[in-house]
Amino acid sequence: MMFKVTVKGGTLSQREIDEYIFYTKKKYGTVLPEHLEIILEVDGDYVNITYDPPMRFGAFRATDYLVNDTGKLNASKYAEQQDKIPNTV
């Protein structure tokens, strides 16, 4: 695991922690930043998930490539993405 998981306000089994990691990967992509900290705050029967730094979802489209981070594009596709005029909708 390349990122940190912190549990506050209670305890969770490793299986529960793994499920929250799976949920995060499913929601934000299978590759999570190495510097990410997942904070699981136990509040009775509920668990609040926060991220440090906060996770933001964004999708970038550059000629048939749909990625959640422009860092995944090669140099020419990155340049093409920078030249595009974003939609205002």
Protein backbone atom coordinates (compact mmCIF):
# COMPACT_ATOMS: atom_id res chain seq x y z
CA MET A 1 0.00 0.00 0.00
CA MET A 2 1.52 3.30 -1.09
CA PHE A 3 -0.79 5.58 0.85
CA LYS A 4 -1.73 6.07 4.49
CA VAL A 5 -5.02 5.04 6.13
CA THR A 6 -6.01 6.63 9.46
CA VAL A 7 -8.97 5.42 11.54
CA LYS A 8 -10.43 7.92 14.02
CA GLY A 9 -13.19 7.59 16.61
CA GLY A 10 -13.28 3.80 16.75
CA THR A 11 -11.85 0.65 15.27
CA LEU A 12 -12.32 -1.11 11.96
CA SER A 13 -11.24 -4.58 10.89
CA GLN A 14 -8.67 -4.90 8.12
CA ARG A 15 -11.44 -6.24 5.87
CA GLU A 16 -13.51 -3.08 6.44
CA ILE A 17 -10.49 -0.88 5.75
CA ASP A 18 -9.79 -2.83 2.54
CA GLU A 19 -13.41 -2.29 1.44
CA TYR A 20 -13.10 1.48 1.95
CA ILE A 21 -9.86 1.46 -0.05
CA PHE A 22 -11.64 -0.51 -2.80
CA TYR A 23 -14.48 2.05 -2.74
CA THR A 24 -11.99 4.91 -3.08
CA LYS A 25 -10.21 3.21 -5.99
CA LYS A 26 -13.52 2.53 -7.71
CA LYS A 27 -14.65 6.13 -7.25
CA TYR A 28 -11.41 7.93 -8.15
CA GLY A 29 -9.49 5.44 -10.29
CA THR A 30 -7.37 2.41 -9.57
CA VAL A 31 -4.14 4.40 -9.23
CA LEU A 32 -4.20 6.59 -6.12
CA PRO A 33 -1.56 9.24 -5.41
CA GLU A 34 1.29 8.04 -3.18
CA HIS A 35 0.92 11.04 -0.86
CA LEU A 36 -2.78 10.37 -0.27
CA GLU A 37 -4.08 9.83 3.26
CA ILE A 38 -7.50 8.19 3.60
CA ILE A 39 -9.14 9.22 6.87
CA LEU A 40 -11.94 6.96 8.12
CA GLU A 41 -13.93 8.61 10.93
CA VAL A 42 -16.13 6.10 12.77
CA ASP A 43 -19.38 7.71 13.96
CA GLY A 44 -21.54 4.97 15.47
CA ASP A 45 -22.85 2.88 12.58
CA TYR A 46 -21.48 5.31 9.99
CA VAL A 47 -18.00 5.88 8.61
CA ASN A 48 -17.12 9.23 7.07
CA ILE A 49 -14.39 9.09 4.45
CA THR A 50 -12.18 12.12 3.89
CA TYR A 51 -8.95 12.49 1.99
CA ASP A 52 -5.83 14.55 2.57
CA PRO A 53 -5.27 16.24 0.23
CA PRO A 54 -8.95 16.39 -0.78
CA MET A 55 -9.72 14.22 -3.80
CA ARG A 56 -11.25 15.92 -6.79
CA PHE A 57 -12.69 14.11 -9.73
CA GLY A 58 -11.93 15.44 -13.14
CA ALA A 59 -11.97 13.83 -16.53
CA PHE A 60 -9.89 15.07 -19.40
CA ARG A 61 -10.59 14.07 -22.97
CA ALA A 62 -7.93 14.35 -25.64
CA THR A 63 -8.60 12.60 -28.94
CA ASP A 64 -10.05 9.30 -27.84
CA TYR A 65 -8.29 9.22 -24.45
CA LEU A 66 -10.35 9.66 -21.28
CA VAL A 67 -8.18 9.97 -18.18
CA ASN A 68 -8.64 11.37 -14.68
CA ASP A 69 -5.21 13.03 -14.59
CA THR A 70 -3.43 14.85 -17.42
CA GLY A 71 -0.15 13.49 -16.04
CA LYS A 72 -1.10 10.17 -17.63
CA LEU A 73 -0.98 11.67 -21.13
CA ASN A 74 2.15 11.50 -23.26
CA ALA A 75 3.82 14.78 -24.28
CA SER A 76 1.95 15.25 -27.55
CA LYS A 77 -1.47 14.45 -26.07
CA TYR A 78 -0.72 16.77 -23.13
CA ALA A 79 0.13 19.59 -25.55
CA GLU A 80 -3.07 18.88 -27.48
CA GLN A 81 -5.06 19.03 -24.23
CA GLN A 82 -3.51 22.40 -23.36
CA ASP A 83 -4.50 23.78 -26.77
CA LYS A 84 -8.16 22.82 -26.39
CA ILE A 85 -10.76 25.43 -25.46
CA PRO A 86 -12.87 24.11 -22.55
CA ASN A 87 -16.66 23.99 -22.73
CA THR A 88 -18.47 26.50 -20.56
CA VAL A 89 -21.42 24.16 -19.99
